[in-house]
Amino acid sequence: MPRVLTIEDDEITANEIVGELTSRGFTVDWVANGREGMARALSDDYDVITLDRMLPGVDGLTILTTMRSIGVQTPVLMLSALGDVDERVRGLRAGGDDYLTKPFDPDEMAARIEVLLRRRTSPQPQSEVMLRVGPIELDLITRTVKRDGEEITLLPTEYRVLEYMMRHAGQTITRTMLFEAVWGYHFDPGTNLIDVHMGRLRKKIDPPGVTPLIQTVRGSGYILG
């Protein structure tokens, strides 16, 4: 049974999350402050975490960056009333896997949690352990990425974007395809999630002085290769 940690200081919101996820068969632990939330999150005992952005004691971004800095890769859905683009970008750059603005529909929240769980538990084919496109190597076992032998540090969502593009190297990948494959729900033309992650990925994969591998196909999407 999937275990979910909900770090949320608003009791009404927390009750909505716990009620919705419990009705779907999840085991949910709720903590209402950042310090206890940090301790629970760093234990790496959970399958997924819902994390409020603004918390007493320790804020959500600090919890998230601390998790990622010590190697805790538990999927994190950030929840926040701060819905402007800059705040969403900060949450994703800190290592968040998804970002949902309050107020939200509990059913959508649960669907996003289910997507994060599916991505974490989906097995890779046993015969396939490495993807290679030109100078890029992606190890599916260790989840490491190298270009010309030099390791590149990617955040979880950046890794998934690159993996999808490498599996479809040489093909035009539309924004809709990328959004639905990586985030797992229907493409929202009003979101800038793809722009944010693609911009960050390009800086890491195609730094100045090397031949760019990620190309933009105007009006269509992207090609890797």
N, C-alpha and C. Protein backbone atom coordinates (compact mmCIF):
# COMPACT_ATOMS: atom_id res chain seq x y z
N MET A 1 0.85 -1.19 0.00
CA MET A 1 0.00 0.00 0.00
C MET A 1 0.89 1.25 0.00
N PRO A 2 0.73 2.17 -0.97
CA PRO A 2 1.60 3.34 -1.04
C PRO A 2 1.51 4.21 0.21
N ARG A 3 2.67 4.71 0.63
CA ARG A 3 2.74 5.58 1.81
C ARG A 3 2.99 7.01 1.35
N VAL A 4 2.15 7.91 1.82
CA VAL A 4 2.25 9.31 1.45
C VAL A 4 2.51 10.14 2.70
N LEU A 5 3.45 11.06 2.60
CA LEU A 5 3.68 12.03 3.66
C LEU A 5 3.11 13.37 3.22
N THR A 6 2.19 13.91 4.00
CA THR A 6 1.61 15.22 3.72
C THR A 6 2.14 16.22 4.74
N ILE A 7 2.89 17.22 4.25
CA ILE A 7 3.43 18.28 5.10
C ILE A 7 2.62 19.53 4.79
N GLU A 8 1.71 19.88 5.69
CA GLU A 8 0.72 20.93 5.42
C GLU A 8 0.27 21.54 6.74
N ASP A 9 0.39 22.86 6.87
CA ASP A 9 0.02 23.49 8.14
C ASP A 9 -1.45 23.91 8.21
N ASP A 10 -2.15 23.92 7.07
CA ASP A 10 -3.57 24.27 7.08
C ASP A 10 -4.39 23.00 7.31
N GLU A 11 -5.12 22.95 8.40
CA GLU A 11 -5.82 21.73 8.77
C GLU A 11 -6.90 21.35 7.77
N ILE A 12 -7.62 22.36 7.23
CA ILE A 12 -8.68 22.07 6.27
C ILE A 12 -8.10 21.42 5.01
N THR A 13 -7.02 22.02 4.49
CA THR A 13 -6.37 21.46 3.30
C THR A 13 -5.83 20.07 3.58
N ALA A 14 -5.22 19.91 4.76
CA ALA A 14 -4.66 18.60 5.12
C ALA A 14 -5.75 17.54 5.19
N ASN A 15 -6.89 17.88 5.77
CA ASN A 15 -7.99 16.92 5.87
C ASN A 15 -8.51 16.52 4.48
N GLU A 16 -8.52 17.48 3.55
CA GLU A 16 -8.95 17.17 2.18
C GLU A 16 -7.98 16.19 1.53
N ILE A 17 -6.68 16.44 1.72
CA ILE A 17 -5.67 15.57 1.13
C ILE A 17 -5.75 14.18 1.73
N VAL A 18 -5.75 14.12 3.05
CA VAL A 18 -5.78 12.82 3.74
C VAL A 18 -7.05 12.04 3.37
N GLY A 19 -8.19 12.73 3.37
CA GLY A 19 -9.45 12.06 3.06
C GLY A 19 -9.47 11.50 1.64
N GLU A 20 -9.03 12.32 0.68
CA GLU A 20 -9.04 11.88 -0.72
C GLU A 20 -8.09 10.71 -0.94
N LEU A 21 -6.88 10.81 -0.43
CA LEU A 21 -5.90 9.75 -0.67
C LEU A 21 -6.24 8.48 0.10
N THR A 22 -6.75 8.64 1.32
CA THR A 22 -7.14 7.46 2.09
C THR A 22 -8.26 6.70 1.39
N SER A 23 -9.19 7.44 0.79
CA SER A 23 -10.31 6.79 0.08
C SER A 23 -9.83 6.00 -1.13
N ARG A 24 -8.62 6.31 -1.59
CA ARG A 24 -8.04 5.61 -2.75
C ARG A 24 -7.07 4.50 -2.32
N GLY A 25 -7.02 4.24 -1.03
CA GLY A 25 -6.21 3.13 -0.56
C GLY A 25 -4.81 3.47 -0.12
N PHE A 26 -4.47 4.78 -0.06
CA PHE A 26 -3.14 5.16 0.39
C PHE A 26 -3.08 5.22 1.92
N THR A 27 -1.90 5.01 2.44
CA THR A 27 -1.63 5.29 3.85
C THR A 27 -1.00 6.67 3.94
N VAL A 28 -1.63 7.57 4.68
CA VAL A 28 -1.18 8.97 4.70
C VAL A 28 -0.79 9.38 6.11
N ASP A 29 0.42 9.92 6.25
CA ASP A 29 0.86 10.54 7.50
C ASP A 29 0.86 12.05 7.30
N TRP A 30 0.29 12.77 8.26
CA TRP A 30 0.21 14.22 8.15
C TRP A 30 1.03 14.87 9.26
N VAL A 31 1.86 15.83 8.89
CA VAL A 31 2.56 16.66 9.86
C VAL A 31 2.28 18.12 9.51
N ALA A 32 2.21 18.97 10.53
CA ALA A 32 1.72 20.33 10.34
C ALA A 32 2.80 21.40 10.45
N ASN A 33 4.07 20.99 10.59
CA ASN A 33 5.12 22.02 10.67
C ASN A 33 6.36 21.55 9.93
N GLY A 34 7.18 22.52 9.57
CA GLY A 34 8.33 22.22 8.73
C GLY A 34 9.40 21.38 9.39
N ARG A 35 9.64 21.57 10.67
CA ARG A 35 10.71 20.83 11.34
C ARG A 35 10.41 19.34 11.39
N GLU A 36 9.21 18.99 11.82
CA GLU A 36 8.85 17.58 11.84
C GLU A 36 8.75 17.04 10.41
N GLY A 37 8.25 17.88 9.50
CA GLY A 37 8.16 17.46 8.11
C GLY A 37 9.53 17.15 7.53
N MET A 38 10.52 17.97 7.85
CA MET A 38 11.89 17.74 7.39
C MET A 38 12.39 16.38 7.88
N ALA A 39 12.21 16.11 9.17
CA ALA A 39 12.69 14.85 9.75
C ALA A 39 12.03 13.66 9.06
N ARG A 40 10.72 13.74 8.83
CA ARG A 40 10.02 12.64 8.19
C ARG A 40 10.47 12.47 6.73
N ALA A 41 10.61 13.60 6.02
CA ALA A 41 10.98 13.55 4.61
C ALA A 41 12.38 12.95 4.42
N LEU A 42 13.29 13.30 5.31
CA LEU A 42 14.67 12.81 5.18
C LEU A 42 14.80 11.34 5.55
N SER A 43 13.77 10.78 6.19
CA SER A 43 13.82 9.36 6.55
C SER A 43 13.73 8.47 5.32
N ASP A 44 13.23 9.02 4.21
CA ASP A 44 13.09 8.28 2.94
C ASP A 44 12.21 7.05 3.10
N ASP A 45 11.21 7.15 3.98
CA ASP A 45 10.31 6.02 4.24
C ASP A 45 9.01 6.09 3.44
N TYR A 46 8.88 7.08 2.56
CA TYR A 46 7.61 7.32 1.87
C TYR A 46 7.75 7.12 0.36
N ASP A 47 6.62 6.83 -0.26
CA ASP A 47 6.60 6.65 -1.71
C ASP A 47 6.42 7.97 -2.44
N VAL A 48 5.77 8.93 -1.80
CA VAL A 48 5.56 10.25 -2.40
C VAL A 48 5.25 11.23 -1.27
N ILE A 49 5.53 12.51 -1.51
CA ILE A 49 5.32 13.56 -0.50
C ILE A 49 4.51 14.69 -1.13
N THR A 50 3.50 15.18 -0.40
CA THR A 50 2.88 16.45 -0.76
C THR A 50 3.46 17.49 0.18
N LEU A 51 3.94 18.58 -0.37
CA LEU A 51 4.73 19.54 0.41
C LEU A 51 4.20 20.95 0.22
N ASP A 52 3.73 21.54 1.31
CA ASP A 52 3.28 22.93 1.26
C ASP A 52 4.49 23.85 1.13
N ARG A 53 4.32 24.90 0.35
CA ARG A 53 5.44 25.85 0.13
C ARG A 53 5.74 26.67 1.38
N MET A 54 4.71 27.17 2.05
CA MET A 54 4.87 28.04 3.21
C MET A 54 4.53 27.25 4.47
N LEU A 55 5.52 27.06 5.34
CA LEU A 55 5.34 26.26 6.54
C LEU A 55 5.97 26.96 7.75
N PRO A 56 5.42 26.76 8.94
CA PRO A 56 6.07 27.28 10.14
C PRO A 56 7.31 26.46 10.47
N GLY A 57 8.34 27.13 10.97
CA GLY A 57 9.55 26.43 11.37
C GLY A 57 10.57 26.34 10.26
N VAL A 58 10.29 25.54 9.26
CA VAL A 58 11.15 25.37 8.09
C VAL A 58 10.26 25.40 6.86
N ASP A 59 10.61 26.23 5.86
CA ASP A 59 9.74 26.35 4.69
C ASP A 59 9.93 25.18 3.73
N GLY A 60 8.97 25.02 2.83
CA GLY A 60 8.97 23.88 1.93
C GLY A 60 10.18 23.80 1.02
N LEU A 61 10.66 24.95 0.52
CA LEU A 61 11.82 24.93 -0.36
C LEU A 61 13.06 24.42 0.37
N THR A 62 13.20 24.79 1.64
CA THR A 62 14.35 24.31 2.41
C THR A 62 14.28 22.80 2.59
N ILE A 63 13.09 22.29 2.88
CA ILE A 63 12.93 20.84 3.01
C ILE A 63 13.31 20.16 1.70
N LEU A 64 12.83 20.70 0.60
CA LEU A 64 13.06 20.08 -0.70
C LEU A 64 14.54 20.10 -1.08
N THR A 65 15.19 21.24 -0.94
CA THR A 65 16.60 21.33 -1.31
C THR A 65 17.46 20.45 -0.41
N THR A 66 17.09 20.34 0.86
CA THR A 66 17.85 19.47 1.77
C THR A 66 17.69 18.02 1.36
N MET A 67 16.47 17.61 1.03
CA MET A 67 16.25 16.23 0.55
C MET A 67 17.15 15.91 -0.64
N ARG A 68 17.11 16.77 -1.64
CA ARG A 68 17.86 16.48 -2.87
C ARG A 68 19.36 16.53 -2.64
N SER A 69 19.81 17.40 -1.73
CA SER A 69 21.25 17.53 -1.49
C SER A 69 21.85 16.29 -0.85
N ILE A 70 21.04 15.52 -0.11
CA ILE A 70 21.58 14.31 0.52
C ILE A 70 21.14 13.04 -0.22
N GLY A 71 20.51 13.21 -1.38
CA GLY A 71 20.20 12.07 -2.22
C GLY A 71 18.85 11.43 -2.01
N VAL A 72 17.95 12.06 -1.24
CA VAL A 72 16.59 11.53 -1.09
C VAL A 72 15.79 11.93 -2.32
N GLN A 73 15.37 10.95 -3.11
CA GLN A 73 14.71 11.21 -4.38
C GLN A 73 13.22 10.92 -4.36
N THR A 74 12.62 10.87 -3.18
CA THR A 74 11.18 10.66 -3.08
C THR A 74 10.44 11.69 -3.93
N PRO A 75 9.52 11.28 -4.81
CA PRO A 75 8.77 12.25 -5.62
C PRO A 75 8.02 13.24 -4.73
N VAL A 76 8.03 14.51 -5.13
CA VAL A 76 7.41 15.57 -4.34
C VAL A 76 6.44 16.37 -5.20
N LEU A 77 5.19 16.45 -4.73
CA LEU A 77 4.19 17.34 -5.31
C LEU A 77 4.10 18.56 -4.41
N MET A 78 4.51 19.71 -4.93
CA MET A 78 4.45 20.94 -4.15
C MET A 78 3.06 21.55 -4.26
N LEU A 79 2.55 22.03 -3.13
CA LEU A 79 1.25 22.68 -3.06
C LEU A 79 1.44 24.08 -2.49
N SER A 80 0.88 25.08 -3.16
CA SER A 80 1.11 26.43 -2.68
C SER A 80 0.05 27.40 -3.19
N ALA A 81 -0.24 28.40 -2.35
CA ALA A 81 -1.11 29.49 -2.79
C ALA A 81 -0.33 30.48 -3.64
N LEU A 82 1.01 30.34 -3.67
CA LEU A 82 1.87 31.20 -4.48
C LEU A 82 1.91 30.63 -5.89
N GLY A 83 1.05 31.14 -6.76
CA GLY A 83 0.89 30.52 -8.06
C GLY A 83 1.56 31.24 -9.21
N ASP A 84 2.30 32.32 -8.95
CA ASP A 84 2.91 33.03 -10.07
C ASP A 84 4.05 32.22 -10.65
N VAL A 85 4.45 32.57 -11.86
CA VAL A 85 5.43 31.79 -12.60
C VAL A 85 6.74 31.66 -11.84
N ASP A 86 7.24 32.75 -11.26
CA ASP A 86 8.51 32.72 -10.55
C ASP A 86 8.51 31.72 -9.41
N GLU A 87 7.40 31.63 -8.68
CA GLU A 87 7.33 30.69 -7.57
C GLU A 87 7.29 29.25 -8.06
N ARG A 88 6.57 29.01 -9.16
CA ARG A 88 6.55 27.66 -9.71
C ARG A 88 7.93 27.24 -10.17
N VAL A 89 8.62 28.17 -10.82
CA VAL A 89 9.98 27.88 -11.29
C VAL A 89 10.90 27.58 -10.12
N ARG A 90 10.80 28.35 -9.05
CA ARG A 90 11.64 28.11 -7.87
C ARG A 90 11.40 26.73 -7.30
N GLY A 91 10.14 26.33 -7.22
CA GLY A 91 9.81 25.01 -6.70
C GLY A 91 10.36 23.90 -7.56
N LEU A 92 10.24 24.04 -8.88
CA LEU A 92 10.75 23.01 -9.79
C LEU A 92 12.27 22.97 -9.78
N ARG A 93 12.90 24.12 -9.73
CA ARG A 93 14.36 24.16 -9.70
C ARG A 93 14.92 23.59 -8.41
N ALA A 94 14.16 23.69 -7.35
CA ALA A 94 14.62 23.14 -6.07
C ALA A 94 14.54 21.61 -6.05
N GLY A 95 13.89 21.03 -7.05
CA GLY A 95 13.81 19.58 -7.11
C GLY A 95 12.42 19.01 -7.05
N GLY A 96 11.39 19.88 -7.09
CA GLY A 96 10.02 19.40 -7.09
C GLY A 96 9.68 18.67 -8.38
N ASP A 97 8.86 17.64 -8.27
CA ASP A 97 8.47 16.87 -9.45
C ASP A 97 7.21 17.42 -10.11
N ASP A 98 6.40 18.12 -9.34
CA ASP A 98 5.17 18.70 -9.87
C ASP A 98 4.76 19.83 -8.92
N TYR A 99 3.90 20.72 -9.40
CA TYR A 99 3.52 21.90 -8.63
C TYR A 99 2.03 22.16 -8.87
N LEU A 100 1.28 22.25 -7.79
CA LEU A 100 -0.17 22.47 -7.88
C LEU A 100 -0.53 23.68 -7.04
N THR A 101 -1.25 24.62 -7.65
CA THR A 101 -1.60 25.86 -6.98
C THR A 101 -2.90 25.71 -6.19
N LYS A 102 -2.91 26.24 -4.97
CA LYS A 102 -4.13 26.27 -4.15
C LYS A 102 -5.02 27.42 -4.60
N PRO A 103 -6.34 27.26 -4.48
CA PRO A 103 -7.07 26.04 -4.13
C PRO A 103 -7.05 25.06 -5.30
N PHE A 104 -7.10 23.77 -5.01
CA PHE A 104 -7.04 22.77 -6.04
C PHE A 104 -8.17 21.77 -5.87
N ASP A 105 -8.44 21.03 -6.93
CA ASP A 105 -9.45 19.99 -6.88
C ASP A 105 -8.81 18.72 -6.30
N PRO A 106 -9.36 18.14 -5.24
CA PRO A 106 -8.75 16.94 -4.64
C PRO A 106 -8.56 15.80 -5.62
N ASP A 107 -9.47 15.69 -6.59
CA ASP A 107 -9.37 14.61 -7.56
C ASP A 107 -8.14 14.82 -8.45
N GLU A 108 -7.87 16.06 -8.85
CA GLU A 108 -6.68 16.34 -9.65
C GLU A 108 -5.43 16.08 -8.83
N MET A 109 -5.44 16.52 -7.57
CA MET A 109 -4.30 16.27 -6.69
C MET A 109 -4.00 14.78 -6.60
N ALA A 110 -5.04 13.97 -6.40
CA ALA A 110 -4.85 12.52 -6.30
C ALA A 110 -4.32 11.94 -7.61
N ALA A 111 -4.82 12.45 -8.73
CA ALA A 111 -4.37 11.96 -10.03
C ALA A 111 -2.88 12.24 -10.23
N ARG A 112 -2.45 13.40 -9.80
CA ARG A 112 -1.03 13.74 -9.94
C ARG A 112 -0.16 12.86 -9.03
N ILE A 113 -0.67 12.56 -7.83
CA ILE A 113 0.04 11.66 -6.93
C ILE A 113 0.17 10.28 -7.58
N GLU A 114 -0.90 9.80 -8.19
CA GLU A 114 -0.88 8.49 -8.83
C GLU A 114 0.12 8.46 -9.98
N VAL A 115 0.24 9.56 -10.71
CA VAL A 115 1.21 9.64 -11.80
C VAL A 115 2.63 9.53 -11.25
N LEU A 116 2.92 10.26 -10.18
CA LEU A 116 4.24 10.21 -9.57
C LEU A 116 4.57 8.80 -9.08
N LEU A 117 3.59 8.12 -8.52
CA LEU A 117 3.81 6.76 -8.05
C LEU A 117 4.06 5.80 -9.21
N ARG A 118 3.31 5.95 -10.30
CA ARG A 118 3.51 5.09 -11.46
C ARG A 118 4.90 5.26 -12.04
N ARG A 119 5.35 6.50 -12.11
CA ARG A 119 6.67 6.74 -12.67
C ARG A 119 7.75 6.11 -11.80
N ARG A 120 7.55 6.13 -10.49
CA ARG A 120 8.58 5.59 -9.60
C ARG A 120 8.63 4.07 -9.64
N THR A 121 7.47 3.43 -9.85
CA THR A 121 7.41 1.98 -9.75
C THR A 121 7.45 1.27 -11.09
N SER A 122 7.38 2.00 -12.20
CA SER A 122 7.40 1.36 -13.52
C SER A 122 8.75 0.69 -13.75
N PRO A 123 8.77 -0.63 -13.98
CA PRO A 123 10.06 -1.31 -14.18
C PRO A 123 10.64 -1.03 -15.56
N GLN A 124 11.95 -0.99 -15.63
CA GLN A 124 12.63 -0.86 -16.91
C GLN A 124 12.84 -2.26 -17.48
N PRO A 125 12.83 -2.42 -18.81
CA PRO A 125 13.15 -3.71 -19.41
C PRO A 125 14.52 -4.19 -18.93
N GLN A 126 14.62 -5.44 -18.53
CA GLN A 126 15.86 -5.94 -17.95
C GLN A 126 17.01 -5.89 -18.94
N SER A 127 16.71 -6.02 -20.22
CA SER A 127 17.77 -6.05 -21.22
C SER A 127 18.32 -4.67 -21.53
N GLU A 128 17.65 -3.63 -21.10
CA GLU A 128 18.06 -2.28 -21.44
C GLU A 128 18.56 -1.55 -20.19
N VAL A 129 19.84 -1.24 -20.19
CA VAL A 129 20.41 -0.56 -19.03
C VAL A 129 21.04 0.77 -19.40
N MET A 130 21.23 1.05 -20.68
CA MET A 130 21.91 2.27 -21.10
C MET A 130 21.28 2.81 -22.38
N LEU A 131 21.05 4.13 -22.40
CA LEU A 131 20.63 4.81 -23.62
C LEU A 131 21.80 5.67 -24.10
N ARG A 132 22.02 5.70 -25.41
CA ARG A 132 23.11 6.50 -25.98
C ARG A 132 22.61 7.26 -27.20
N VAL A 133 22.87 8.54 -27.21
CA VAL A 133 22.59 9.37 -28.38
C VAL A 133 23.79 10.29 -28.56
N GLY A 134 24.58 10.04 -29.61
CA GLY A 134 25.79 10.83 -29.82
C GLY A 134 26.70 10.74 -28.61
N PRO A 135 27.12 11.89 -28.06
CA PRO A 135 28.02 11.87 -26.90
C PRO A 135 27.31 11.71 -25.56
N ILE A 136 25.97 11.57 -25.58
CA ILE A 136 25.19 11.48 -24.34
C ILE A 136 24.96 10.02 -23.97
N GLU A 137 25.22 9.68 -22.71
CA GLU A 137 24.92 8.36 -22.17
C GLU A 137 24.02 8.52 -20.95
N LEU A 138 22.95 7.74 -20.90
CA LEU A 138 22.03 7.76 -19.76
C LEU A 138 21.93 6.34 -19.21
N ASP A 139 22.36 6.17 -17.96
CA ASP A 139 22.34 4.86 -17.31
C ASP A 139 21.01 4.70 -16.58
N LEU A 140 20.21 3.72 -17.02
CA LEU A 140 18.88 3.52 -16.46
C LEU A 140 18.92 2.87 -15.07
N ILE A 141 20.03 2.28 -14.72
CA ILE A 141 20.16 1.64 -13.42
C ILE A 141 20.59 2.65 -12.35
N THR A 142 21.67 3.36 -12.63
CA THR A 142 22.19 4.34 -11.66
C THR A 142 21.55 5.71 -11.81
N ARG A 143 20.81 5.89 -12.94
CA ARG A 143 20.14 7.16 -13.23
C ARG A 143 21.15 8.31 -13.34
N THR A 144 22.29 8.01 -13.92
CA THR A 144 23.32 9.02 -14.16
C THR A 144 23.37 9.35 -15.64
N VAL A 145 23.81 10.58 -15.93
CA VAL A 145 23.90 11.06 -17.31
C VAL A 145 25.31 11.61 -17.53
N LYS A 146 25.89 11.28 -18.68
CA LYS A 146 27.22 11.79 -19.02
C LYS A 146 27.22 12.31 -20.46
N ARG A 147 28.02 13.36 -20.67
CA ARG A 147 28.29 13.82 -22.03
C ARG A 147 29.80 13.81 -22.20
N ASP A 148 30.26 13.08 -23.21
CA ASP A 148 31.70 12.93 -23.45
C ASP A 148 32.42 12.46 -22.19
N GLY A 149 31.76 11.59 -21.44
CA GLY A 149 32.38 11.01 -20.25
C GLY A 149 32.28 11.84 -19.00
N GLU A 150 31.80 13.07 -19.11
CA GLU A 150 31.66 13.96 -17.95
C GLU A 150 30.24 13.87 -17.41
N GLU A 151 30.11 13.58 -16.10
CA GLU A 151 28.79 13.42 -15.52
C GLU A 151 28.06 14.75 -15.42
N ILE A 152 26.76 14.72 -15.70
CA ILE A 152 25.89 15.90 -15.65
C ILE A 152 24.86 15.67 -14.56
N THR A 153 24.72 16.62 -13.67
CA THR A 153 23.75 16.51 -12.59
C THR A 153 22.40 17.04 -13.05
N LEU A 154 21.39 16.17 -13.05
CA LEU A 154 20.05 16.55 -13.46
C LEU A 154 19.07 16.38 -12.31
N LEU A 155 18.09 17.25 -12.25
CA LEU A 155 16.99 17.08 -11.32
C LEU A 155 16.06 15.98 -11.85
N PRO A 156 15.21 15.40 -10.99
CA PRO A 156 14.40 14.26 -11.41
C PRO A 156 13.57 14.49 -12.68
N THR A 157 12.91 15.65 -12.77
CA THR A 157 12.08 15.88 -13.95
C THR A 157 12.94 16.13 -15.18
N GLU A 158 14.08 16.78 -15.03
CA GLU A 158 15.00 16.97 -16.15
C GLU A 158 15.45 15.60 -16.68
N TYR A 159 15.73 14.69 -15.77
CA TYR A 159 16.14 13.34 -16.15
C TYR A 159 15.05 12.67 -16.99
N ARG A 160 13.80 12.78 -16.54
CA ARG A 160 12.71 12.12 -17.26
C ARG A 160 12.50 12.75 -18.64
N VAL A 161 12.65 14.07 -18.75
CA VAL A 161 12.53 14.73 -20.05
C VAL A 161 13.62 14.20 -20.99
N LEU A 162 14.86 14.15 -20.49
CA LEU A 162 15.96 13.68 -21.34
C LEU A 162 15.76 12.21 -21.72
N GLU A 163 15.35 11.38 -20.76
CA GLU A 163 15.13 9.96 -21.07
C GLU A 163 14.10 9.80 -22.19
N TYR A 164 13.00 10.54 -22.08
CA TYR A 164 11.96 10.44 -23.11
C TYR A 164 12.51 10.87 -24.47
N MET A 165 13.28 11.96 -24.49
CA MET A 165 13.82 12.46 -25.76
C MET A 165 14.83 11.48 -26.33
N MET A 166 15.62 10.84 -25.47
CA MET A 166 16.60 9.87 -25.96
C MET A 166 15.92 8.63 -26.51
N ARG A 167 14.82 8.23 -25.93
CA ARG A 167 14.07 7.08 -26.44
C ARG A 167 13.41 7.39 -27.79
N HIS A 168 13.29 8.67 -28.11
CA HIS A 168 12.68 9.08 -29.37
C HIS A 168 13.65 9.97 -30.17
N ALA A 169 14.93 9.65 -30.06
CA ALA A 169 15.97 10.45 -30.74
C ALA A 169 15.72 10.47 -32.24
N GLY A 170 15.91 11.65 -32.83
CA GLY A 170 15.72 11.81 -34.26
C GLY A 170 14.29 12.07 -34.68
N GLN A 171 13.35 11.97 -33.73
CA GLN A 171 11.95 12.22 -34.03
C GLN A 171 11.54 13.60 -33.51
N THR A 172 10.59 14.22 -34.18
CA THR A 172 10.05 15.46 -33.66
C THR A 172 9.11 15.15 -32.50
N ILE A 173 9.42 15.71 -31.35
CA ILE A 173 8.62 15.49 -30.14
C ILE A 173 7.81 16.75 -29.88
N THR A 174 6.50 16.64 -29.96
CA THR A 174 5.66 17.81 -29.74
C THR A 174 5.59 18.12 -28.25
N ARG A 175 5.19 19.35 -27.95
CA ARG A 175 5.03 19.74 -26.55
C ARG A 175 3.96 18.88 -25.87
N THR A 176 2.90 18.55 -26.61
CA THR A 176 1.85 17.71 -26.05
C THR A 176 2.39 16.33 -25.69
N MET A 177 3.16 15.72 -26.58
CA MET A 177 3.75 14.41 -26.32
C MET A 177 4.63 14.45 -25.08
N LEU A 178 5.47 15.45 -25.01
CA LEU A 178 6.42 15.56 -23.90
C LEU A 178 5.68 15.78 -22.58
N PHE A 179 4.70 16.65 -22.60
CA PHE A 179 3.96 16.98 -21.38
C PHE A 179 3.23 15.74 -20.85
N GLU A 180 2.55 15.04 -21.73
CA GLU A 180 1.75 13.89 -21.28
C GLU A 180 2.64 12.71 -20.89
N ALA A 181 3.81 12.56 -21.54
CA ALA A 181 4.70 11.45 -21.21
C ALA A 181 5.42 11.68 -19.88
N VAL A 182 5.83 12.89 -19.63
CA VAL A 182 6.63 13.18 -18.43
C VAL A 182 5.76 13.54 -17.23
N TRP A 183 4.75 14.39 -17.44
CA TRP A 183 3.91 14.82 -16.33
C TRP A 183 2.67 13.94 -16.16
N GLY A 184 2.27 13.25 -17.22
CA GLY A 184 1.25 12.24 -17.10
C GLY A 184 -0.18 12.71 -17.15
N TYR A 185 -0.42 13.97 -17.52
CA TYR A 185 -1.80 14.42 -17.68
C TYR A 185 -1.87 15.33 -18.90
N HIS A 186 -3.08 15.67 -19.30
CA HIS A 186 -3.28 16.35 -20.57
C HIS A 186 -2.59 17.71 -20.60
N PHE A 187 -2.06 18.02 -21.76
CA PHE A 187 -1.31 19.25 -21.96
C PHE A 187 -2.17 20.48 -21.73
N ASP A 188 -1.65 21.39 -20.94
CA ASP A 188 -2.29 22.68 -20.68
C ASP A 188 -1.52 23.74 -21.43
N PRO A 189 -2.09 24.31 -22.48
CA PRO A 189 -1.35 25.31 -23.27
C PRO A 189 -0.97 26.55 -22.48
N GLY A 190 -1.57 26.73 -21.32
CA GLY A 190 -1.26 27.91 -20.51
C GLY A 190 -0.08 27.72 -19.59
N THR A 191 0.45 26.50 -19.50
CA THR A 191 1.56 26.25 -18.58
C THR A 191 2.90 26.48 -19.26
N ASN A 192 3.91 26.83 -18.45
CA ASN A 192 5.25 27.00 -18.99
C ASN A 192 6.20 25.94 -18.45
N LEU A 193 5.66 24.83 -17.94
CA LEU A 193 6.49 23.78 -17.38
C LEU A 193 7.54 23.29 -18.37
N ILE A 194 7.12 23.05 -19.61
CA ILE A 194 8.07 22.53 -20.59
C ILE A 194 9.16 23.56 -20.89
N ASP A 195 8.79 24.82 -21.02
CA ASP A 195 9.79 25.86 -21.29
C ASP A 195 10.82 25.92 -20.18
N VAL A 196 10.36 25.84 -18.93
CA VAL A 196 11.26 25.91 -17.78
C VAL A 196 12.25 24.75 -17.80
N HIS A 197 11.72 23.54 -17.94
CA HIS A 197 12.59 22.37 -17.87
C HIS A 197 13.48 22.24 -19.11
N MET A 198 12.95 22.58 -20.27
CA MET A 198 13.77 22.48 -21.48
C MET A 198 14.91 23.49 -21.45
N GLY A 199 14.63 24.69 -20.94
CA GLY A 199 15.68 25.70 -20.83
C GLY A 199 16.79 25.26 -19.91
N ARG A 200 16.43 24.68 -18.76
CA ARG A 200 17.43 24.19 -17.82
C ARG A 200 18.19 23.01 -18.37
N LEU A 201 17.49 22.10 -19.05
CA LEU A 201 18.14 20.92 -19.61
C LEU A 201 19.14 21.31 -20.69
N ARG A 202 18.78 22.26 -21.51
CA ARG A 202 19.69 22.69 -22.58
C ARG A 202 20.98 23.27 -22.01
N LYS A 203 20.88 24.04 -20.94
CA LYS A 203 22.08 24.62 -20.35
C LYS A 203 23.04 23.55 -19.85
N LYS A 204 22.47 22.42 -19.41
CA LYS A 204 23.31 21.35 -18.88
C LYS A 204 23.81 20.41 -19.97
N ILE A 205 22.94 20.07 -20.92
CA ILE A 205 23.31 19.13 -21.98
C ILE A 205 24.13 19.80 -23.08
N ASP A 206 23.79 21.04 -23.40
CA ASP A 206 24.43 21.77 -24.50
C ASP A 206 25.09 23.05 -23.99
N PRO A 207 26.13 22.93 -23.17
CA PRO A 207 26.80 24.15 -22.68
C PRO A 207 27.54 24.85 -23.81
N PRO A 208 27.95 26.10 -23.61
CA PRO A 208 28.68 26.82 -24.66
C PRO A 208 29.93 26.06 -25.10
N GLY A 209 30.17 26.07 -26.41
CA GLY A 209 31.38 25.45 -26.93
C GLY A 209 31.20 24.04 -27.46
N VAL A 210 30.00 23.47 -27.32
CA VAL A 210 29.76 22.13 -27.85
C VAL A 210 28.67 22.18 -28.90
N THR A 211 28.60 21.15 -29.73
CA THR A 211 27.55 21.08 -30.75
C THR A 211 26.22 20.79 -30.09
N PRO A 212 25.23 21.68 -30.24
CA PRO A 212 23.94 21.46 -29.59
C PRO A 212 23.26 20.18 -30.10
N LEU A 213 22.70 19.43 -29.16
CA LEU A 213 21.98 18.21 -29.50
C LEU A 213 20.47 18.42 -29.52
N ILE A 214 19.99 19.36 -28.72
CA ILE A 214 18.55 19.63 -28.65
C ILE A 214 18.21 20.76 -29.61
N GLN A 215 17.38 20.47 -30.58
CA GLN A 215 17.00 21.46 -31.58
C GLN A 215 15.51 21.77 -31.46
N THR A 216 15.17 23.04 -31.65
CA THR A 216 13.77 23.44 -31.66
C THR A 216 13.22 23.36 -33.08
N VAL A 217 12.09 22.70 -33.22
CA VAL A 217 11.40 22.66 -34.51
C VAL A 217 10.27 23.67 -34.44
N ARG A 218 10.46 24.79 -35.07
CA ARG A 218 9.52 25.90 -34.93
C ARG A 218 8.10 25.47 -35.26
N GLY A 219 7.20 25.75 -34.31
CA GLY A 219 5.80 25.44 -34.49
C GLY A 219 5.44 23.98 -34.24
N SER A 220 6.45 23.14 -33.95
CA SER A 220 6.17 21.72 -33.75
C SER A 220 6.62 21.20 -32.41
N GLY A 221 7.90 21.41 -32.06
CA GLY A 221 8.40 20.87 -30.80
C GLY A 221 9.91 20.83 -30.79
N TYR A 222 10.46 19.63 -30.51
CA TYR A 222 11.92 19.50 -30.34
C TYR A 222 12.40 18.21 -30.97
N ILE A 223 13.70 18.19 -31.30
CA ILE A 223 14.38 16.98 -31.77
C ILE A 223 15.68 16.85 -30.99
N LEU A 224 15.98 15.64 -30.56
CA LEU A 224 17.27 15.35 -29.95
C LEU A 224 18.08 14.50 -30.92
N GLY A 225 19.31 14.94 -31.21
CA GLY A 225 20.15 14.14 -32.08
C GLY A 225 20.76 14.96 -33.21
